[in-house]
Amino acid sequence: MKHAGSCHCGAVVIQIEAPAEIELYECNCSMCSRTGFLHLIVSKKQFQLVKGMDNLTTYTFNTRVAQHYFCKNCGCKPFYVPRSNPDGFSINFRCLDKTGFTKIKTMSFNGQEWESQGHELAVLSK
C-alpha cells in the first residue's frame, strides 16, 4: 500500500510503500527522545520524496552516517537515513496520514546503548 506524509507546513511531501500492518520503533536515544520520532523503516525503493528537496536541510553528528533531514520552514523531520539502515529510510510515523493502516505495533528500542543494539534493526530495510 502507498502512504503519504509531510512536514508540518507541507513544503516537504513523501510517499512510502508499506503494508497495512506495521511495526514501529520508539527509540530512547538522545536525538529521538528529543524529537519524538516514531520509526517506520523502509527500503530506498519503498520511499519517494514527492516534493520539497529544496526545503530540506541536513544534520549529522558522531559517525556522520545518519543523515537527519529537516524542513527549513517548519523544522519538522518526516524522514532520515538511519545509521542502522544506511540503505533505507526511517519514516516518522507521526508525519504520515494514518488512513490505510489496520494494525500498528509499537516496540521500544534501546538507542542509548546503540553500539550493542543497532544490529537488531539492520534487517528492516531489506
PDB file of N, CA and C in Angstrom:
ATOM      1  N   MET A   1       0.839  -1.186   0.000  1.00  0.00           N
ATOM      2  CA  MET A   1       0.000   0.000   0.000  1.00  0.00           C
ATOM      3  C   MET A   1       0.880   1.243   0.000  1.00  0.00           C
ATOM      4  N   LYS A   2       0.390   2.292  -0.621  1.00  0.00           N
ATOM      5  CA  LYS A   2       1.085   3.573  -0.610  1.00  0.00           C
ATOM      6  C   LYS A   2       0.497   4.452   0.485  1.00  0.00           C
ATOM      7  N   HIS A   3       1.396   5.149   1.180  1.00  0.00           N
ATOM      8  CA  HIS A   3       1.001   6.034   2.266  1.00  0.00           C
ATOM      9  C   HIS A   3       1.706   7.371   2.068  1.00  0.00           C
ATOM     10  N   ALA A   4       0.974   8.458   2.272  1.00  0.00           N
ATOM     11  CA  ALA A   4       1.520   9.805   2.097  1.00  0.00           C
ATOM     12  C   ALA A   4       1.837  10.425   3.446  1.00  0.00           C
ATOM     13  N   GLY A   5       2.781  11.359   3.416  1.00  0.00           N
ATOM     14  CA  GLY A   5       3.136  12.081   4.620  1.00  0.00           C
ATOM     15  C   GLY A   5       3.765  13.415   4.272  1.00  0.00           C
ATOM     16  N   SER A   6       3.989  14.225   5.289  1.00  0.00           N
ATOM     17  CA  SER A   6       4.577  15.547   5.044  1.00  0.00           C
ATOM     18  C   SER A   6       5.130  16.125   6.340  1.00  0.00           C
ATOM     19  N   CYS A   7       5.863  17.211   6.165  1.00  0.00           N
ATOM     20  CA  CYS A   7       6.268  18.004   7.317  1.00  0.00           C
ATOM     21  C   CYS A   7       5.040  18.796   7.784  1.00  0.00           C
ATOM     22  N   HIS A   8       5.195  19.596   8.817  1.00  0.00           N
ATOM     23  CA  HIS A   8       4.060  20.343   9.368  1.00  0.00           C
ATOM     24  C   HIS A   8       3.492  21.361   8.391  1.00  0.00           C
ATOM     25  N   CYS A   9       4.362  22.085   7.690  1.00  0.00           N
ATOM     26  CA  CYS A   9       3.891  23.149   6.795  1.00  0.00           C
ATOM     27  C   CYS A   9       3.521  22.642   5.401  1.00  0.00           C
ATOM     28  N   GLY A  10       3.853  21.389   5.080  1.00  0.00           N
ATOM     29  CA  GLY A  10       3.511  20.817   3.783  1.00  0.00           C
ATOM     30  C   GLY A  10       4.515  21.096   2.681  1.00  0.00           C
ATOM     31  N   ALA A  11       5.617  21.744   3.003  1.00  0.00           N
ATOM     32  CA  ALA A  11       6.629  22.029   1.983  1.00  0.00           C
ATOM     33  C   ALA A  11       7.372  20.766   1.559  1.00  0.00           C
ATOM     34  N   VAL A  12       7.471  19.789   2.455  1.00  0.00           N
ATOM     35  CA  VAL A  12       8.117  18.509   2.172  1.00  0.00           C
ATOM     36  C   VAL A  12       7.034  17.435   2.194  1.00  0.00           C
ATOM     37  N   VAL A  13       6.898  16.737   1.073  1.00  0.00           N
ATOM     38  CA  VAL A  13       5.891  15.685   0.952  1.00  0.00           C
ATOM     39  C   VAL A  13       6.585  14.386   0.561  1.00  0.00           C
ATOM     40  N   ILE A  14       6.216  13.306   1.255  1.00  0.00           N
ATOM     41  CA  ILE A  14       6.795  11.999   0.962  1.00  0.00           C
ATOM     42  C   ILE A  14       5.688  10.994   0.665  1.00  0.00           C
ATOM     43  N   GLN A  15       6.094   9.902   0.045  1.00  0.00           N
ATOM     44  CA  GLN A  15       5.199   8.769  -0.167  1.00  0.00           C
ATOM     45  C   GLN A  15       6.014   7.504   0.083  1.00  0.00           C
ATOM     46  N   ILE A  16       5.418   6.558   0.791  1.00  0.00           N
ATOM     47  CA  ILE A  16       6.108   5.293   1.049  1.00  0.00           C
ATOM     48  C   ILE A  16       5.202   4.128   0.674  1.00  0.00           C
ATOM     49  N   GLU A  17       5.820   2.989   0.461  1.00  0.00           N
ATOM     50  CA  GLU A  17       5.084   1.737   0.316  1.00  0.00           C
ATOM     51  C   GLU A  17       5.314   0.939   1.582  1.00  0.00           C
ATOM     52  N   ALA A  18       4.223   0.536   2.215  1.00  0.00           N
ATOM     53  CA  ALA A  18       4.288  -0.252   3.443  1.00  0.00           C
ATOM     54  C   ALA A  18       2.978  -1.007   3.581  1.00  0.00           C
ATOM     55  N   PRO A  19       3.013  -2.140   4.251  1.00  0.00           N
ATOM     56  CA  PRO A  19       1.766  -2.883   4.450  1.00  0.00           C
ATOM     57  C   PRO A  19       0.824  -2.156   5.399  1.00  0.00           C
ATOM     58  N   ALA A  20      -0.404  -2.655   5.479  1.00  0.00           N
ATOM     59  CA  ALA A  20      -1.391  -2.075   6.388  1.00  0.00           C
ATOM     60  C   ALA A  20      -1.075  -2.424   7.837  1.00  0.00           C
ATOM     61  N   GLU A  21      -0.389  -3.545   8.055  1.00  0.00           N
ATOM     62  CA  GLU A  21       0.023  -3.961   9.385  1.00  0.00           C
ATOM     63  C   GLU A  21       1.518  -3.688   9.519  1.00  0.00           C
ATOM     64  N   ILE A  22       1.886  -2.857  10.493  1.00  0.00           N
ATOM     65  CA  ILE A  22       3.284  -2.427  10.608  1.00  0.00           C
ATOM     66  C   ILE A  22       3.801  -2.539  12.032  1.00  0.00           C
ATOM     67  N   GLU A  23       5.120  -2.540  12.127  1.00  0.00           N
ATOM     68  CA  GLU A  23       5.803  -2.468  13.409  1.00  0.00           C
ATOM     69  C   GLU A  23       6.598  -1.173  13.454  1.00  0.00           C
ATOM     70  N   LEU A  24       6.431  -0.429  14.527  1.00  0.00           N
ATOM     71  CA  LEU A  24       7.130   0.834  14.734  1.00  0.00           C
ATOM     72  C   LEU A  24       8.105   0.677  15.892  1.00  0.00           C
ATOM     73  N   TYR A  25       9.113   1.535  15.890  1.00  0.00           N
ATOM     74  CA  TYR A  25      10.109   1.517  16.960  1.00  0.00           C
ATOM     75  C   TYR A  25      10.176   2.891  17.613  1.00  0.00           C
ATOM     76  N   GLU A  26      10.045   2.889  18.936  1.00  0.00           N
ATOM     77  CA  GLU A  26      10.215   4.110  19.713  1.00  0.00           C
ATOM     78  C   GLU A  26      11.575   4.016  20.387  1.00  0.00           C
ATOM     79  N   CYS A  27      12.463   4.918  20.003  1.00  0.00           N
ATOM     80  CA  CYS A  27      13.853   4.883  20.442  1.00  0.00           C
ATOM     81  C   CYS A  27      14.085   5.915  21.555  1.00  0.00           C
ATOM     82  N   ASN A  28      14.964   5.563  22.484  1.00  0.00           N
ATOM     83  CA  ASN A  28      15.253   6.460  23.596  1.00  0.00           C
ATOM     84  C   ASN A  28      16.609   7.150  23.462  1.00  0.00           C
ATOM     85  N   CYS A  29      17.183   7.174  22.254  1.00  0.00           N
ATOM     86  CA  CYS A  29      18.480   7.835  22.076  1.00  0.00           C
ATOM     87  C   CYS A  29      18.334   9.353  22.248  1.00  0.00           C
ATOM     88  N   SER A  30      19.470  10.039  22.277  1.00  0.00           N
ATOM     89  CA  SER A  30      19.462  11.482  22.527  1.00  0.00           C
ATOM     90  C   SER A  30      18.697  12.258  21.463  1.00  0.00           C
ATOM     91  N   MET A  31      18.722  11.810  20.219  1.00  0.00           N
ATOM     92  CA  MET A  31      18.015  12.507  19.143  1.00  0.00           C
ATOM     93  C   MET A  31      16.521  12.183  19.157  1.00  0.00           C
ATOM     94  N   CYS A  32      16.178  10.910  19.138  1.00  0.00           N
ATOM     95  CA  CYS A  32      14.765  10.509  19.029  1.00  0.00           C
ATOM     96  C   CYS A  32      13.939  10.918  20.235  1.00  0.00           C
ATOM     97  N   SER A  33      14.524  10.848  21.415  1.00  0.00           N
ATOM     98  CA  SER A  33      13.761  11.232  22.607  1.00  0.00           C
ATOM     99  C   SER A  33      13.468  12.730  22.616  1.00  0.00           C
ATOM    100  N   ARG A  34      14.308  13.522  21.975  1.00  0.00           N
ATOM    101  CA  ARG A  34      14.079  14.970  21.907  1.00  0.00           C
ATOM    102  C   ARG A  34      13.076  15.340  20.816  1.00  0.00           C
ATOM    103  N   THR A  35      13.082  14.592  19.715  1.00  0.00           N
ATOM    104  CA  THR A  35      12.215  14.954  18.580  1.00  0.00           C
ATOM    105  C   THR A  35      10.902  14.182  18.552  1.00  0.00           C
ATOM    106  N   GLY A  36      10.764  13.138  19.359  1.00  0.00           N
ATOM    107  CA  GLY A  36       9.535  12.351  19.364  1.00  0.00           C
ATOM    108  C   GLY A  36       9.377  11.493  18.125  1.00  0.00           C
ATOM    109  N   PHE A  37      10.491  11.111  17.519  1.00  0.00           N
ATOM    110  CA  PHE A  37      10.470  10.333  16.281  1.00  0.00           C
ATOM    111  C   PHE A  37       9.959   8.923  16.560  1.00  0.00           C
ATOM    112  N   LEU A  38       9.024   8.459  15.752  1.00  0.00           N
ATOM    113  CA  LEU A  38       8.463   7.115  15.846  1.00  0.00           C
ATOM    114  C   LEU A  38       8.784   6.406  14.532  1.00  0.00           C
ATOM    115  N   HIS A  39       9.721   5.450  14.563  1.00  0.00           N
ATOM    116  CA  HIS A  39      10.355   4.880  13.379  1.00  0.00           C
ATOM    117  C   HIS A  39       9.531   3.826  12.643  1.00  0.00           C
ATOM    118  N   LEU A  40       9.408   4.019  11.343  1.00  0.00           N
ATOM    119  CA  LEU A  40       8.946   3.006  10.411  1.00  0.00           C
ATOM    120  C   LEU A  40      10.039   2.918   9.350  1.00  0.00           C
ATOM    121  N   ILE A  41      10.818   1.858   9.375  1.00  0.00           N
ATOM    122  CA  ILE A  41      11.977   1.748   8.490  1.00  0.00           C
ATOM    123  C   ILE A  41      11.586   1.044   7.197  1.00  0.00           C
ATOM    124  N   VAL A  42      11.954   1.684   6.063  1.00  0.00           N
ATOM    125  CA  VAL A  42      11.640   1.150   4.735  1.00  0.00           C
ATOM    126  C   VAL A  42      12.902   1.177   3.870  1.00  0.00           C
ATOM    127  N   SER A  43      12.872   0.404   2.797  1.00  0.00           N
ATOM    128  CA  SER A  43      13.991   0.406   1.851  1.00  0.00           C
ATOM    129  C   SER A  43      13.925   1.653   0.972  1.00  0.00           C
ATOM    130  N   LYS A  44      15.017   1.923   0.271  1.00  0.00           N
ATOM    131  CA  LYS A  44      15.038   3.087  -0.630  1.00  0.00           C
ATOM    132  C   LYS A  44      13.988   2.967  -1.723  1.00  0.00           C
ATOM    133  N   LYS A  45      13.747   1.748  -2.200  1.00  0.00           N
ATOM    134  CA  LYS A  45      12.768   1.578  -3.278  1.00  0.00           C
ATOM    135  C   LYS A  45      11.337   1.780  -2.778  1.00  0.00           C
ATOM    136  N   GLN A  46      11.122   1.753  -1.468  1.00  0.00           N
ATOM    137  CA  GLN A  46       9.796   1.975  -0.902  1.00  0.00           C
ATOM    138  C   GLN A  46       9.549   3.441  -0.551  1.00  0.00           C
ATOM    139  N   PHE A  47      10.518   4.298  -0.797  1.00  0.00           N
ATOM    140  CA  PHE A  47      10.455   5.703  -0.410  1.00  0.00           C
ATOM    141  C   PHE A  47      10.487   6.611  -1.628  1.00  0.00           C
ATOM    142  N   GLN A  48       9.679   7.664  -1.587  1.00  0.00           N
ATOM    143  CA  GLN A  48       9.732   8.687  -2.635  1.00  0.00           C
ATOM    144  C   GLN A  48       9.571  10.063  -1.993  1.00  0.00           C
ATOM    145  N   LEU A  49      10.501  10.954  -2.321  1.00  0.00           N
ATOM    146  CA  LEU A  49      10.355  12.356  -1.939  1.00  0.00           C
ATOM    147  C   LEU A  49       9.546  13.008  -3.050  1.00  0.00           C
ATOM    148  N   VAL A  50       8.291  13.294  -2.784  1.00  0.00           N
ATOM    149  CA  VAL A  50       7.368  13.820  -3.785  1.00  0.00           C
ATOM    150  C   VAL A  50       7.671  15.280  -4.096  1.00  0.00           C
ATOM    151  N   LYS A  51       7.912  16.056  -3.053  1.00  0.00           N
ATOM    152  CA  LYS A  51       8.283  17.463  -3.243  1.00  0.00           C
ATOM    153  C   LYS A  51       9.021  17.976  -2.025  1.00  0.00           C
ATOM    154  N   GLY A  52       9.840  18.991  -2.250  1.00  0.00           N
ATOM    155  CA  GLY A  52      10.467  19.683  -1.142  1.00  0.00           C
ATOM    156  C   GLY A  52      11.963  19.506  -0.980  1.00  0.00           C
ATOM    157  N   MET A  53      12.641  18.929  -1.947  1.00  0.00           N
ATOM    158  CA  MET A  53      14.093  18.747  -1.820  1.00  0.00           C
ATOM    159  C   MET A  53      14.781  20.065  -1.477  1.00  0.00           C
ATOM    160  N   ASP A  54      14.357  21.147  -2.100  1.00  0.00           N
ATOM    161  CA  ASP A  54      14.959  22.464  -1.838  1.00  0.00           C
ATOM    162  C   ASP A  54      14.605  23.013  -0.455  1.00  0.00           C
ATOM    163  N   ASN A  55      13.614  22.423   0.196  1.00  0.00           N
ATOM    164  CA  ASN A  55      13.201  22.874   1.524  1.00  0.00           C
ATOM    165  C   ASN A  55      13.833  22.064   2.648  1.00  0.00           C
ATOM    166  N   LEU A  56      14.731  21.141   2.313  1.00  0.00           N
ATOM    167  CA  LEU A  56      15.358  20.296   3.326  1.00  0.00           C
ATOM    168  C   LEU A  56      16.745  20.793   3.706  1.00  0.00           C
ATOM    169  N   THR A  57      17.074  20.621   4.961  1.00  0.00           N
ATOM    170  CA  THR A  57      18.430  20.836   5.450  1.00  0.00           C
ATOM    171  C   THR A  57      18.831  19.568   6.192  1.00  0.00           C
ATOM    172  N   THR A  58      20.121  19.305   6.255  1.00  0.00           N
ATOM    173  CA  THR A  58      20.617  18.054   6.830  1.00  0.00           C
ATOM    174  C   THR A  58      21.458  18.318   8.076  1.00  0.00           C
ATOM    175  N   TYR A  59      21.282  17.443   9.045  1.00  0.00           N
ATOM    176  CA  TYR A  59      22.082  17.486  10.269  1.00  0.00           C
ATOM    177  C   TYR A  59      22.719  16.115  10.472  1.00  0.00           C
ATOM    178  N   THR A  60      24.007  16.090  10.770  1.00  0.00           N
ATOM    179  CA  THR A  60      24.701  14.850  11.096  1.00  0.00           C
ATOM    180  C   THR A  60      25.514  15.063  12.367  1.00  0.00           C
ATOM    181  N   PHE A  61      25.847  13.982  13.035  1.00  0.00           N
ATOM    182  CA  PHE A  61      26.694  14.071  14.221  1.00  0.00           C
ATOM    183  C   PHE A  61      27.398  12.733  14.421  1.00  0.00           C
ATOM    184  N   ASN A  62      28.290  12.679  15.366  1.00  0.00           N
ATOM    185  CA  ASN A  62      29.031  11.485  15.742  1.00  0.00           C
ATOM    186  C   ASN A  62      29.691  10.830  14.513  1.00  0.00           C
ATOM    187  N   THR A  63      29.206   9.683  14.042  1.00  0.00           N
ATOM    188  CA  THR A  63      29.834   8.975  12.919  1.00  0.00           C
ATOM    189  C   THR A  63      29.487   9.603  11.571  1.00  0.00           C
ATOM    190  N   ARG A  64      28.519  10.470  11.532  1.00  0.00           N
ATOM    191  CA  ARG A  64      28.048  11.158  10.319  1.00  0.00           C
ATOM    192  C   ARG A  64      27.417  10.218   9.292  1.00  0.00           C
ATOM    193  N   VAL A  65      27.090   8.994   9.696  1.00  0.00           N
ATOM    194  CA  VAL A  65      26.418   8.056   8.790  1.00  0.00           C
ATOM    195  C   VAL A  65      24.940   8.418   8.671  1.00  0.00           C
ATOM    196  N   ALA A  66      24.290   8.661   9.782  1.00  0.00           N
ATOM    197  CA  ALA A  66      22.873   9.045   9.763  1.00  0.00           C
ATOM    198  C   ALA A  66      22.746  10.447   9.164  1.00  0.00           C
ATOM    199  N   GLN A  67      21.782  10.611   8.283  1.00  0.00           N
ATOM    200  CA  GLN A  67      21.508  11.893   7.638  1.00  0.00           C
ATOM    201  C   GLN A  67      20.107  12.339   8.072  1.00  0.00           C
ATOM    202  N   HIS A  68      20.037  13.287   8.986  1.00  0.00           N
ATOM    203  CA  HIS A  68      18.762  13.775   9.519  1.00  0.00           C
ATOM    204  C   HIS A  68      18.282  14.941   8.667  1.00  0.00           C
ATOM    205  N   TYR A  69      17.136  14.777   8.015  1.00  0.00           N
ATOM    206  CA  TYR A  69      16.587  15.798   7.122  1.00  0.00           C
ATOM    207  C   TYR A  69      15.452  16.547   7.817  1.00  0.00           C
ATOM    208  N   PHE A  70      15.557  17.870   7.832  1.00  0.00           N
ATOM    209  CA  PHE A  70      14.565  18.737   8.451  1.00  0.00           C
ATOM    210  C   PHE A  70      14.032  19.727   7.429  1.00  0.00           C
ATOM    211  N   CYS A  71      12.755  20.076   7.538  1.00  0.00           N
ATOM    212  CA  CYS A  71      12.188  21.132   6.700  1.00  0.00           C
ATOM    213  C   CYS A  71      12.763  22.464   7.164  1.00  0.00           C
ATOM    214  N   LYS A  72      13.273  23.251   6.226  1.00  0.00           N
ATOM    215  CA  LYS A  72      13.835  24.568   6.549  1.00  0.00           C
ATOM    216  C   LYS A  72      12.766  25.537   7.046  1.00  0.00           C
ATOM    217  N   ASN A  73      11.513  25.301   6.655  1.00  0.00           N
ATOM    218  CA  ASN A  73      10.440  26.222   7.030  1.00  0.00           C
ATOM    219  C   ASN A  73       9.894  25.961   8.433  1.00  0.00           C
ATOM    220  N   CYS A  74       9.500  24.704   8.696  1.00  0.00           N
ATOM    221  CA  CYS A  74       8.819  24.409   9.964  1.00  0.00           C
ATOM    222  C   CYS A  74       9.672  23.615  10.948  1.00  0.00           C
ATOM    223  N   GLY A  75      10.814  23.089  10.505  1.00  0.00           N
ATOM    224  CA  GLY A  75      11.707  22.355  11.394  1.00  0.00           C
ATOM    225  C   GLY A  75      11.336  20.897  11.619  1.00  0.00           C
ATOM    226  N   CYS A  76      10.280  20.441  10.990  1.00  0.00           N
ATOM    227  CA  CYS A  76       9.808  19.068  11.164  1.00  0.00           C
ATOM    228  C   CYS A  76      10.750  18.081  10.459  1.00  0.00           C
ATOM    229  N   LYS A  77      10.896  16.887  11.040  1.00  0.00           N
ATOM    230  CA  LYS A  77      11.751  15.841  10.461  1.00  0.00           C
ATOM    231  C   LYS A  77      10.873  14.645  10.085  1.00  0.00           C
ATOM    232  N   PRO A  78      10.364  14.605   8.843  1.00  0.00           N
ATOM    233  CA  PRO A  78       9.491  13.493   8.446  1.00  0.00           C
ATOM    234  C   PRO A  78      10.236  12.199   8.105  1.00  0.00           C
ATOM    235  N   PHE A  79      11.538  12.272   7.826  1.00  0.00           N
ATOM    236  CA  PHE A  79      12.310  11.077   7.490  1.00  0.00           C
ATOM    237  C   PHE A  79      13.792  11.361   7.683  1.00  0.00           C
ATOM    238  N   TYR A  80      14.571  10.288   7.700  1.00  0.00           N
ATOM    239  CA  TYR A  80      16.024  10.415   7.693  1.00  0.00           C
ATOM    240  C   TYR A  80      16.646   9.096   7.264  1.00  0.00           C
ATOM    241  N   VAL A  81      17.928   9.125   6.942  1.00  0.00           N
ATOM    242  CA  VAL A  81      18.684   7.918   6.631  1.00  0.00           C
ATOM    243  C   VAL A  81      19.329   7.476   7.942  1.00  0.00           C
ATOM    244  N   PRO A  82      18.898   6.337   8.503  1.00  0.00           N
ATOM    245  CA  PRO A  82      19.423   5.929   9.801  1.00  0.00           C
ATOM    246  C   PRO A  82      20.765   5.210   9.713  1.00  0.00           C
ATOM    247  N   ARG A  83      21.526   5.341  10.754  1.00  0.00           N
ATOM    248  CA  ARG A  83      22.813   4.654  10.846  1.00  0.00           C
ATOM    249  C   ARG A  83      22.633   3.139  10.793  1.00  0.00           C
ATOM    250  N   SER A  84      21.546   2.628  11.362  1.00  0.00           N
ATOM    251  CA  SER A  84      21.289   1.190  11.371  1.00  0.00           C
ATOM    252  C   SER A  84      20.912   0.659   9.994  1.00  0.00           C
ATOM    253  N   ASN A  85      20.381   1.522   9.143  1.00  0.00           N
ATOM    254  CA  ASN A  85      19.916   1.133   7.813  1.00  0.00           C
ATOM    255  C   ASN A  85      20.302   2.196   6.788  1.00  0.00           C
ATOM    256  N   PRO A  86      21.592   2.369   6.507  1.00  0.00           N
ATOM    257  CA  PRO A  86      22.004   3.413   5.567  1.00  0.00           C
ATOM    258  C   PRO A  86      21.542   3.160   4.136  1.00  0.00           C
ATOM    259  N   ASP A  87      21.013   1.967   3.886  1.00  0.00           N
ATOM    260  CA  ASP A  87      20.468   1.624   2.573  1.00  0.00           C
ATOM    261  C   ASP A  87      18.959   1.855   2.515  1.00  0.00           C
ATOM    262  N   GLY A  88      18.410   2.525   3.507  1.00  0.00           N
ATOM    263  CA  GLY A  88      16.973   2.781   3.557  1.00  0.00           C
ATOM    264  C   GLY A  88      16.658   4.098   4.226  1.00  0.00           C
ATOM    265  N   PHE A  89      15.417   4.228   4.657  1.00  0.00           N
ATOM    266  CA  PHE A  89      14.945   5.440   5.319  1.00  0.00           C
ATOM    267  C   PHE A  89      14.145   5.066   6.554  1.00  0.00           C
ATOM    268  N   SER A  90      14.230   5.900   7.557  1.00  0.00           N
ATOM    269  CA  SER A  90      13.344   5.790   8.700  1.00  0.00           C
ATOM    270  C   SER A  90      12.326   6.918   8.559  1.00  0.00           C
ATOM    271  N   ILE A  91      11.080   6.538   8.541  1.00  0.00           N
ATOM    272  CA  ILE A  91       9.975   7.484   8.374  1.00  0.00           C
ATOM    273  C   ILE A  91       9.390   7.780   9.748  1.00  0.00           C
ATOM    274  N   ASN A  92       9.120   9.050  10.018  1.00  0.00           N
ATOM    275  CA  ASN A  92       8.458   9.399  11.270  1.00  0.00           C
ATOM    276  C   ASN A  92       6.970   9.123  11.087  1.00  0.00           C
ATOM    277  N   PHE A  93       6.502   8.043  11.693  1.00  0.00           N
ATOM    278  CA  PHE A  93       5.106   7.654  11.555  1.00  0.00           C
ATOM    279  C   PHE A  93       4.161   8.795  11.921  1.00  0.00           C
ATOM    280  N   ARG A  94       4.594   9.659  12.823  1.00  0.00           N
ATOM    281  CA  ARG A  94       3.753  10.780  13.235  1.00  0.00           C
ATOM    282  C   ARG A  94       3.539  11.789  12.113  1.00  0.00           C
ATOM    283  N   CYS A  95       4.333  11.693  11.041  1.00  0.00           N
ATOM    284  CA  CYS A  95       4.186  12.597   9.890  1.00  0.00           C
ATOM    285  C   CYS A  95       3.396  11.966   8.752  1.00  0.00           C
ATOM    286  N   LEU A  96       2.923  10.739   8.931  1.00  0.00           N
ATOM    287  CA  LEU A  96       2.166  10.050   7.886  1.00  0.00           C
ATOM    288  C   LEU A  96       0.667  10.199   8.089  1.00  0.00           C
ATOM    289  N   ASP A  97      -0.069  10.145   6.984  1.00  0.00           N
ATOM    290  CA  ASP A  97      -1.520  10.025   7.026  1.00  0.00           C
ATOM    291  C   ASP A  97      -1.806   8.614   7.534  1.00  0.00           C
ATOM    292  N   LYS A  98      -2.588   8.483   8.580  1.00  0.00           N
ATOM    293  CA  LYS A  98      -2.819   7.178   9.205  1.00  0.00           C
ATOM    294  C   LYS A  98      -3.847   6.324   8.472  1.00  0.00           C
ATOM    295  N   THR A  99      -4.523   6.886   7.466  1.00  0.00           N
ATOM    296  CA  THR A  99      -5.507   6.143   6.697  1.00  0.00           C
ATOM    297  C   THR A  99      -4.835   4.944   6.024  1.00  0.00           C
ATOM    298  N   GLY A 100      -5.448   3.789   6.114  1.00  0.00           N
ATOM    299  CA  GLY A 100      -4.926   2.605   5.450  1.00  0.00           C
ATOM    300  C   GLY A 100      -4.151   1.672   6.364  1.00  0.00           C
ATOM    301  N   PHE A 101      -3.747   2.143   7.528  1.00  0.00           N
ATOM    302  CA  PHE A 101      -3.074   1.257   8.471  1.00  0.00           C
ATOM    303  C   PHE A 101      -4.135   0.554   9.318  1.00  0.00           C
ATOM    304  N   THR A 102      -4.045  -0.761   9.414  1.00  0.00           N
ATOM    305  CA  THR A 102      -5.052  -1.522  10.145  1.00  0.00           C
ATOM    306  C   THR A 102      -4.552  -2.085  11.467  1.00  0.00           C
ATOM    307  N   LYS A 103      -3.235  -2.315  11.554  1.00  0.00           N
ATOM    308  CA  LYS A 103      -2.664  -2.842  12.795  1.00  0.00           C
ATOM    309  C   LYS A 103      -1.291  -2.214  12.982  1.00  0.00           C
ATOM    310  N   ILE A 104      -1.113  -1.575  14.130  1.00  0.00           N
ATOM    311  CA  ILE A 104       0.140  -0.878  14.422  1.00  0.00           C
ATOM    312  C   ILE A 104       0.679  -1.395  15.755  1.00  0.00           C
ATOM    313  N   LYS A 105       1.867  -1.972  15.696  1.00  0.00           N
ATOM    314  CA  LYS A 105       2.527  -2.467  16.901  1.00  0.00           C
ATOM    315  C   LYS A 105       3.740  -1.572  17.154  1.00  0.00           C
ATOM    316  N   THR A 106       3.830  -1.018  18.361  1.00  0.00           N
ATOM    317  CA  THR A 106       4.955  -0.162  18.712  1.00  0.00           C
ATOM    318  C   THR A 106       5.836  -0.882  19.724  1.00  0.00           C
ATOM    319  N   MET A 107       7.126  -0.920  19.402  1.00  0.00           N
ATOM    320  CA  MET A 107       8.091  -1.579  20.269  1.00  0.00           C
ATOM    321  C   MET A 107       9.143  -0.576  20.719  1.00  0.00           C
ATOM    322  N   SER A 108       9.690  -0.808  21.884  1.00  0.00           N
ATOM    323  CA  SER A 108      10.761   0.038  22.396  1.00  0.00           C
ATOM    324  C   SER A 108      12.093  -0.422  21.822  1.00  0.00           C
ATOM    325  N   PHE A 109      12.958   0.555  21.560  1.00  0.00           N
ATOM    326  CA  PHE A 109      14.319   0.249  21.118  1.00  0.00           C
ATOM    327  C   PHE A 109      15.279   1.030  22.000  1.00  0.00           C
ATOM    328  N   ASN A 110      16.281   0.359  22.528  1.00  0.00           N
ATOM    329  CA  ASN A 110      17.235   0.981  23.438  1.00  0.00           C
ATOM    330  C   ASN A 110      18.362   1.645  22.652  1.00  0.00           C
ATOM    331  N   GLY A 111      18.103   2.814  22.144  1.00  0.00           N
ATOM    332  CA  GLY A 111      19.092   3.563  21.387  1.00  0.00           C
ATOM    333  C   GLY A 111      20.174   4.185  22.255  1.00  0.00           C
ATOM    334  N   GLN A 112      19.960   4.244  23.558  1.00  0.00           N
ATOM    335  CA  GLN A 112      21.003   4.737  24.453  1.00  0.00           C
ATOM    336  C   GLN A 112      22.194   3.778  24.481  1.00  0.00           C
ATOM    337  N   GLU A 113      21.949   2.532  24.113  1.00  0.00           N
ATOM    338  CA  GLU A 113      23.012   1.533  24.013  1.00  0.00           C
ATOM    339  C   GLU A 113      23.131   1.067  22.566  1.00  0.00           C
ATOM    340  N   TRP A 114      23.176   2.036  21.656  1.00  0.00           N
ATOM    341  CA  TRP A 114      23.138   1.767  20.223  1.00  0.00           C
ATOM    342  C   TRP A 114      24.237   0.818  19.768  1.00  0.00           C
ATOM    343  N   GLU A 115      25.428   0.981  20.278  1.00  0.00           N
ATOM    344  CA  GLU A 115      26.557   0.160  19.818  1.00  0.00           C
ATOM    345  C   GLU A 115      26.283  -1.330  19.988  1.00  0.00           C
ATOM    346  N   SER A 116      25.586  -1.721  21.026  1.00  0.00           N
ATOM    347  CA  SER A 116      25.300  -3.145  21.234  1.00  0.00           C
ATOM    348  C   SER A 116      23.914  -3.546  20.729  1.00  0.00           C
ATOM    349  N   GLN A 117      23.075  -2.579  20.367  1.00  0.00           N
ATOM    350  CA  GLN A 117      21.697  -2.870  19.967  1.00  0.00           C
ATOM    351  C   GLN A 117      21.388  -2.611  18.490  1.00  0.00           C
ATOM    352  N   GLY A 118      22.161  -1.757  17.835  1.00  0.00           N
ATOM    353  CA  GLY A 118      21.862  -1.310  16.471  1.00  0.00           C
ATOM    354  C   GLY A 118      21.704  -2.417  15.454  1.00  0.00           C
ATOM    355  N   HIS A 119      22.433  -3.489  15.612  1.00  0.00           N
ATOM    356  CA  HIS A 119      22.356  -4.610  14.664  1.00  0.00           C
ATOM    357  C   HIS A 119      20.949  -5.205  14.583  1.00  0.00           C
ATOM    358  N   GLU A 120      20.148  -5.063  15.633  1.00  0.00           N
ATOM    359  CA  GLU A 120      18.788  -5.611  15.644  1.00  0.00           C
ATOM    360  C   GLU A 120      17.889  -4.970  14.586  1.00  0.00           C
ATOM    361  N   LEU A 121      18.200  -3.733  14.201  1.00  0.00           N
ATOM    362  CA  LEU A 121      17.386  -3.012  13.221  1.00  0.00           C
ATOM    363  C   LEU A 121      17.885  -3.151  11.790  1.00  0.00           C
ATOM    364  N   ALA A 122      19.086  -3.653  11.614  1.00  0.00           N
ATOM    365  CA  ALA A 122      19.752  -3.644  10.301  1.00  0.00           C
ATOM    366  C   ALA A 122      18.972  -4.384   9.213  1.00  0.00           C
ATOM    367  N   VAL A 123      18.172  -5.347   9.558  1.00  0.00           N
ATOM    368  CA  VAL A 123      17.434  -6.128   8.548  1.00  0.00           C
ATOM    369  C   VAL A 123      16.149  -5.449   8.077  1.00  0.00           C
ATOM    370  N   LEU A 124      15.741  -4.378   8.726  1.00  0.00           N
ATOM    371  CA  LEU A 124      14.424  -3.788   8.453  1.00  0.00           C
ATOM    372  C   LEU A 124      14.297  -3.119   7.099  1.00  0.00           C
ATOM    373  N   SER A 125      15.385  -2.665   6.495  1.00  0.00           N
ATOM    374  CA  SER A 125      15.280  -2.006   5.191  1.00  0.00           C
ATOM    375  C   SER A 125      15.545  -2.970   4.041  1.00  0.00           C
ATOM    376  N   LYS A 126      15.689  -4.230   4.327  1.00  0.00           N
ATOM    377  CA  LYS A 126      15.962  -5.241   3.295  1.00  0.00           C
ATOM    378  C   LYS A 126      14.690  -5.675   2.610  1.00  0.00           C
TER     379      LYS A 126
END
